[in-house]
Amino acid sequence: MIRDLLTNEYIARLDVLDLAVKKRLSSVSAGARKSTAKGSSLEFSDFREYTQGDDLRRIDWNGYVRFGRLYTKLFNEERQATVNIILDTSTSVRLYREKSDFAGAFAASAAYIALNNSDMVNIFAIDSSGTSKCTALSSKKAFPRAVTFIEEALSKEEKTKTSINASVAALAGERLGEGISLVISDFFSEDGCDSAVKLLRSKKQGVILVQILDSRETTFEERGNLRLIDSENGSSRELEITPEMLKRYGRALEEFKNGLKELALRNEAEYHFFVDSAPLLAAVGELVGR
């Protein structure tokens, strides 16, 4: 279970970490962070939709009379960055329990760090069945809600495919704000992820690709004649697993990873690779640069 990885001791160690949104997207300044924009904290900057917990003194009541919706006034020192966590919940991610739990706990860790540093958090669970979302999380009080959402999104049993480009394209109408988008997936996506990265960059997002694989996907231990079945589309292939075949598999895996790394570099994005047997805190520490 994801909650088994999110112990009180582990959460306490996350308290000192920061996703450093400002470093990844220099135009963003958020929450308790110091603004890079000119002016004092009393200088009006922008509006955003009201979320539970906002200071009622900052509500734009004139706007409510005009539009019938609540908006909160933001000031230069208090502009809030947004961390969008896009979590692949397809069958290939859910195939191995260790992989699914690692991906879910990684997403939850990123959410906690962002909330702890006064950033807004949106979580999108994506696969070929559609997108579910848990949005506008704005304080640590919302963390249990984030964990519950992630656990439920990864507990589905229906067979779904990985479709990164199509799934992210469906987010085009979402209010992603200014900040970073963290895409957590194995990236076994037939349509790739090129257009997804470009779309997110066009929406003022600092993009971070986090590839997570199970140790059985990186070190193939089976030998002899096998029938391999695709977990998502059901297609099968009979192969003789020989030492030479394993070498070819290793080379293909490295080429796959290098392709994602080059895609990230071309689009001024980040790429991180983790195996689910890695210590979770060390993996999260790499993400935040610690």
Protein backbone atom coordinates (compact mmCIF):
# COMPACT_ATOMS: atom_id res chain seq x y z
CA MET A 1 0.00 0.00 0.00
CA ILE A 2 1.10 3.54 -0.73
CA ARG A 3 0.35 4.57 2.85
CA ASP A 4 2.83 1.97 4.08
CA LEU A 5 5.59 3.97 2.37
CA LEU A 6 4.32 7.30 3.67
CA THR A 7 5.22 6.77 7.32
CA ASN A 8 5.28 9.62 9.83
CA GLU A 9 9.08 9.42 9.90
CA TYR A 10 9.25 9.62 6.11
CA ILE A 11 6.84 12.58 5.95
CA ALA A 12 8.88 14.40 8.60
CA ARG A 13 11.95 14.11 6.37
CA LEU A 14 10.01 15.66 3.47
CA ASP A 15 9.42 18.81 5.53
CA VAL A 16 12.89 20.16 4.70
CA LEU A 17 12.59 19.59 0.95
CA ASP A 18 11.49 22.10 -1.68
CA LEU A 19 10.66 21.57 -5.36
CA ALA A 20 12.29 24.96 -6.01
CA VAL A 21 9.72 26.06 -8.56
CA LYS A 22 11.41 29.45 -8.91
CA LYS A 23 14.63 27.83 -10.06
CA ARG A 24 12.81 25.75 -12.64
CA LEU A 25 10.64 28.57 -13.91
CA SER A 26 12.21 31.92 -13.08
CA SER A 27 9.06 33.91 -13.82
CA VAL A 28 7.13 32.12 -11.04
CA SER A 29 7.08 33.27 -7.44
CA ALA A 30 4.74 31.61 -5.02
CA GLY A 31 3.23 31.54 -1.57
CA ALA A 32 5.85 31.94 1.10
CA ARG A 33 8.58 32.26 -1.54
CA LYS A 34 10.19 35.62 -2.19
CA SER A 35 8.92 37.18 -5.39
CA THR A 36 11.17 38.00 -8.33
CA ALA A 37 8.64 40.60 -9.43
CA LYS A 38 9.14 44.26 -8.52
CA GLY A 39 7.15 45.97 -5.81
CA SER A 40 6.20 45.39 -2.22
CA SER A 41 3.91 42.70 -0.86
CA LEU A 42 1.05 45.20 -0.94
CA GLU A 43 1.31 45.73 -4.69
CA PHE A 44 -1.60 44.06 -6.49
CA SER A 45 -0.57 41.39 -8.96
CA ASP A 46 -3.40 39.13 -10.13
CA PHE A 47 -6.55 37.18 -9.27
CA ARG A 48 -7.12 33.45 -8.87
CA GLU A 49 -10.23 31.46 -8.03
CA TYR A 50 -11.03 31.27 -4.33
CA THR A 51 -10.07 28.04 -2.58
CA GLN A 52 -11.07 26.96 0.91
CA GLY A 53 -8.70 28.46 3.47
CA ASP A 54 -8.00 31.71 1.61
CA ASP A 55 -8.07 34.91 3.66
CA LEU A 56 -11.63 36.31 3.37
CA ARG A 57 -10.19 39.83 3.49
CA ARG A 58 -8.55 39.17 0.10
CA ILE A 59 -11.76 38.20 -1.70
CA ASP A 60 -12.77 40.45 -4.58
CA TRP A 61 -16.38 41.09 -3.56
CA ASN A 62 -16.99 43.45 -6.48
CA GLY A 63 -16.01 40.61 -8.81
CA TYR A 64 -18.42 38.31 -7.00
CA VAL A 65 -21.29 40.78 -7.58
CA ARG A 66 -20.41 41.02 -11.28
CA PHE A 67 -19.57 37.40 -12.08
CA GLY A 68 -21.17 35.34 -9.31
CA ARG A 69 -17.82 33.61 -8.56
CA LEU A 70 -15.31 34.12 -5.80
CA TYR A 71 -11.80 35.30 -6.65
CA THR A 72 -8.88 36.02 -4.34
CA LYS A 73 -6.60 39.02 -4.83
CA LEU A 74 -2.93 38.16 -5.17
CA PHE A 75 0.00 40.47 -4.48
CA ASN A 76 3.52 40.32 -5.87
CA GLU A 77 5.05 38.71 -2.77
CA GLU A 78 2.21 36.20 -2.58
CA ARG A 79 1.77 34.89 -6.09
CA GLN A 80 1.20 31.17 -5.84
CA ALA A 81 2.95 28.72 -8.11
CA THR A 82 1.15 25.61 -9.30
CA VAL A 83 2.52 22.08 -9.27
CA ASN A 84 0.62 19.81 -11.66
CA ILE A 85 1.19 16.11 -11.02
CA ILE A 86 0.24 14.03 -14.06
CA LEU A 87 0.21 10.37 -13.00
CA ASP A 88 -0.04 7.53 -15.50
CA THR A 89 -2.48 4.92 -14.14
CA SER A 90 -2.48 2.57 -17.14
CA THR A 91 -2.26 -1.21 -16.86
CA SER A 92 1.50 -1.29 -17.45
CA VAL A 93 2.06 0.96 -14.42
CA ARG A 94 -0.31 -1.15 -12.32
CA LEU A 95 1.11 -4.50 -13.52
CA TYR A 96 3.56 -4.84 -10.64
CA ARG A 97 2.45 -3.81 -7.15
CA GLU A 98 5.90 -2.49 -6.24
CA LYS A 99 5.97 -0.27 -9.32
CA SER A 100 2.46 1.05 -8.74
CA ASP A 101 3.14 1.80 -5.07
CA PHE A 102 6.44 3.52 -5.85
CA ALA A 103 4.83 5.71 -8.54
CA GLY A 104 1.92 6.58 -6.25
CA ALA A 105 4.13 7.34 -3.25
CA PHE A 106 6.43 9.43 -5.45
CA ALA A 107 3.44 11.47 -6.67
CA ALA A 108 2.17 11.87 -3.10
CA SER A 109 5.63 12.98 -1.93
CA ALA A 110 5.78 15.66 -4.61
CA ALA A 111 2.31 16.84 -3.60
CA TYR A 112 3.29 17.05 0.08
CA ILE A 113 6.47 19.02 -0.64
CA ALA A 114 4.56 21.49 -2.83
CA LEU A 115 1.77 21.95 -0.28
CA ASN A 116 4.30 22.35 2.51
CA ASN A 117 5.87 25.21 0.56
CA SER A 118 2.54 26.97 -0.09
CA ASP A 119 2.21 25.94 -3.74
CA MET A 120 -1.10 25.02 -5.37
CA VAL A 121 -1.34 21.34 -6.37
CA ASN A 122 -3.39 19.72 -9.12
CA ILE A 123 -3.28 15.94 -9.61
CA PHE A 124 -4.41 14.32 -12.86
CA ALA A 125 -4.68 10.53 -13.23
CA ILE A 126 -4.41 9.64 -16.91
CA ASP A 127 -4.84 6.58 -19.13
CA SER A 128 -6.86 5.59 -22.18
CA SER A 129 -10.10 5.43 -20.17
CA GLY A 130 -10.00 9.19 -19.55
CA THR A 131 -8.75 11.60 -16.93
CA SER A 132 -9.74 11.93 -13.30
CA LYS A 133 -8.56 14.89 -11.26
CA CYS A 134 -8.06 16.23 -7.78
CA THR A 135 -7.41 19.95 -8.12
CA ALA A 136 -6.94 23.21 -6.24
CA LEU A 137 -5.20 21.66 -3.24
CA SER A 138 -3.68 24.58 -1.35
CA SER A 139 -2.58 23.50 2.14
CA LYS A 140 -1.13 20.52 4.01
CA LYS A 141 -4.64 19.82 5.31
CA ALA A 142 -5.46 18.64 1.77
CA PHE A 143 -2.68 16.02 1.75
CA PRO A 144 -4.84 13.10 2.98
CA ARG A 145 -7.27 13.89 0.16
CA ALA A 146 -4.38 13.73 -2.33
CA VAL A 147 -3.23 10.35 -1.01
CA THR A 148 -6.74 8.90 -1.15
CA PHE A 149 -7.18 10.11 -4.73
CA ILE A 150 -3.87 8.58 -5.83
CA GLU A 151 -4.61 5.26 -4.15
CA GLU A 152 -8.05 5.03 -5.74
CA ALA A 153 -6.71 5.97 -9.17
CA LEU A 154 -4.12 3.18 -9.01
CA SER A 155 -6.50 0.56 -7.59
CA LYS A 156 -8.68 0.21 -10.70
CA GLU A 157 -8.79 -3.24 -12.28
CA GLU A 158 -9.93 -2.43 -15.81
CA LYS A 159 -7.38 -2.82 -18.59
CA THR A 160 -6.28 0.59 -19.91
CA LYS A 161 -3.51 1.73 -22.22
CA THR A 162 -0.76 4.30 -21.83
CA SER A 163 -1.46 7.28 -24.08
CA ILE A 164 0.63 10.23 -22.92
CA ASN A 165 0.15 12.56 -25.89
CA ALA A 166 -3.61 12.05 -26.10
CA SER A 167 -4.09 12.26 -22.32
CA VAL A 168 -2.11 15.48 -21.94
CA ALA A 169 -3.88 16.98 -24.96
CA ALA A 170 -7.13 16.46 -23.01
CA LEU A 171 -5.70 18.75 -20.31
CA ALA A 172 -5.39 21.67 -22.74
CA GLY A 173 -8.52 23.30 -21.30
CA GLU A 174 -7.43 22.91 -17.67
CA ARG A 175 -6.14 25.87 -15.67
CA LEU A 176 -2.60 24.69 -15.05
CA GLY A 177 -1.33 28.03 -13.80
CA GLU A 178 2.31 29.05 -13.89
CA GLY A 179 4.59 26.46 -12.40
CA ILE A 180 5.75 22.94 -13.14
CA SER A 181 4.13 19.82 -14.55
CA LEU A 182 5.49 16.54 -13.26
CA VAL A 183 4.70 13.61 -15.59
CA ILE A 184 5.11 10.26 -13.77
CA SER A 185 4.93 7.22 -16.04
CA ASP A 186 6.78 4.24 -17.45
CA PHE A 187 6.29 5.98 -20.82
CA PHE A 188 5.30 2.74 -22.55
CA SER A 189 3.07 4.87 -24.74
CA GLU A 190 2.44 3.98 -28.36
CA ASP A 191 1.85 7.63 -29.27
CA GLY A 192 5.01 8.82 -27.51
CA CYS A 193 5.13 11.99 -25.44
CA ASP A 194 6.67 14.61 -27.77
CA SER A 195 3.54 16.67 -28.32
CA ALA A 196 2.63 16.38 -24.62
CA VAL A 197 5.91 18.00 -23.58
CA LYS A 198 5.53 20.74 -26.19
CA LEU A 199 1.94 21.45 -25.13
CA LEU A 200 2.91 21.76 -21.47
CA ARG A 201 5.81 24.05 -22.33
CA SER A 202 3.45 26.24 -24.37
CA LYS A 203 1.29 26.59 -21.26
CA LYS A 204 4.16 28.14 -19.26
CA GLN A 205 5.06 24.90 -17.53
CA GLY A 206 8.47 23.75 -16.41
CA VAL A 207 8.23 20.08 -17.41
CA ILE A 208 9.74 17.19 -15.44
CA LEU A 209 9.54 13.67 -16.86
CA VAL A 210 9.84 10.94 -14.22
CA GLN A 211 10.19 7.43 -15.65
CA ILE A 212 9.59 4.59 -13.21
CA LEU A 213 10.16 0.93 -14.10
CA ASP A 214 9.97 -2.27 -12.12
CA SER A 215 13.24 -4.08 -11.47
CA ARG A 216 11.87 -7.03 -13.50
CA GLU A 217 11.57 -4.72 -16.49
CA THR A 218 15.21 -3.65 -16.30
CA THR A 219 16.77 -7.02 -15.44
CA PHE A 220 15.11 -9.81 -17.38
CA GLU A 221 15.71 -13.06 -15.49
CA GLU A 222 13.60 -15.53 -17.49
CA ARG A 223 15.33 -17.96 -19.85
CA GLY A 224 14.33 -20.38 -22.58
CA ASN A 225 11.28 -20.33 -24.85
CA LEU A 226 8.59 -17.96 -23.62
CA ARG A 227 5.38 -16.39 -24.81
CA LEU A 228 5.34 -12.70 -23.83
CA ILE A 229 1.93 -11.02 -23.62
CA ASP A 230 1.45 -7.26 -23.78
CA SER A 231 -0.37 -6.28 -20.58
CA GLU A 232 -2.28 -3.47 -22.30
CA ASN A 233 -3.27 -4.65 -25.77
CA GLY A 234 -3.13 -8.44 -25.26
CA SER A 235 -0.83 -9.11 -28.22
CA SER A 236 1.71 -11.90 -27.77
CA ARG A 237 5.09 -12.90 -29.12
CA GLU A 238 7.03 -16.13 -28.75
CA LEU A 239 10.73 -15.66 -28.12
CA GLU A 240 13.75 -17.70 -27.16
CA ILE A 241 15.47 -15.82 -24.37
CA THR A 242 19.19 -16.19 -25.03
CA PRO A 243 22.21 -14.22 -23.72
CA GLU A 244 22.32 -12.36 -27.05
CA MET A 245 18.61 -11.52 -26.80
CA LEU A 246 19.16 -10.13 -23.30
CA LYS A 247 21.98 -7.92 -24.57
CA ARG A 248 19.71 -6.59 -27.32
CA TYR A 249 17.00 -5.93 -24.75
CA GLY A 250 19.45 -4.00 -22.58
CA ARG A 251 20.57 -1.88 -25.53
CA ALA A 252 16.96 -1.19 -26.56
CA LEU A 253 16.10 -0.11 -23.01
CA GLU A 254 19.04 2.30 -22.90
CA GLU A 255 18.05 3.74 -26.29
CA PHE A 256 14.51 4.22 -24.99
CA LYS A 257 15.74 6.07 -21.90
CA ASN A 258 18.19 8.15 -23.93
CA GLY A 259 15.38 9.13 -26.30
CA LEU A 260 13.35 10.52 -23.40
CA LYS A 261 16.41 12.31 -22.04
CA GLU A 262 17.09 13.93 -25.44
CA LEU A 263 13.43 14.93 -25.78
CA ALA A 264 13.66 16.64 -22.41
CA LEU A 265 16.85 18.48 -23.36
CA ARG A 266 15.36 19.71 -26.66
CA ASN A 267 12.41 21.20 -24.81
CA GLU A 268 14.28 22.62 -21.78
CA ALA A 269 12.67 19.99 -19.58
CA GLU A 270 14.06 17.57 -16.99
CA TYR A 271 14.26 13.78 -17.09
CA HIS A 272 14.68 11.41 -14.14
CA PHE A 273 14.77 7.61 -14.17
CA PHE A 274 14.07 5.36 -11.18
CA VAL A 275 13.64 1.65 -10.54
CA ASP A 276 11.02 0.76 -7.94
CA SER A 277 13.64 -0.99 -5.79
CA ALA A 278 15.39 2.35 -5.17
CA PRO A 279 14.96 4.06 -1.78
CA LEU A 280 11.96 6.38 -2.18
CA LEU A 281 13.47 9.25 -0.21
CA ALA A 282 16.64 9.15 -2.31
CA ALA A 283 14.56 9.29 -5.50
CA VAL A 284 12.53 12.25 -4.25
CA GLY A 285 15.76 13.88 -3.11
CA GLU A 286 17.11 13.65 -6.67
CA LEU A 287 13.99 15.39 -7.92
CA VAL A 288 14.46 18.33 -5.60
CA GLY A 289 18.21 18.45 -6.07
CA ARG A 290 19.24 17.29 -2.59
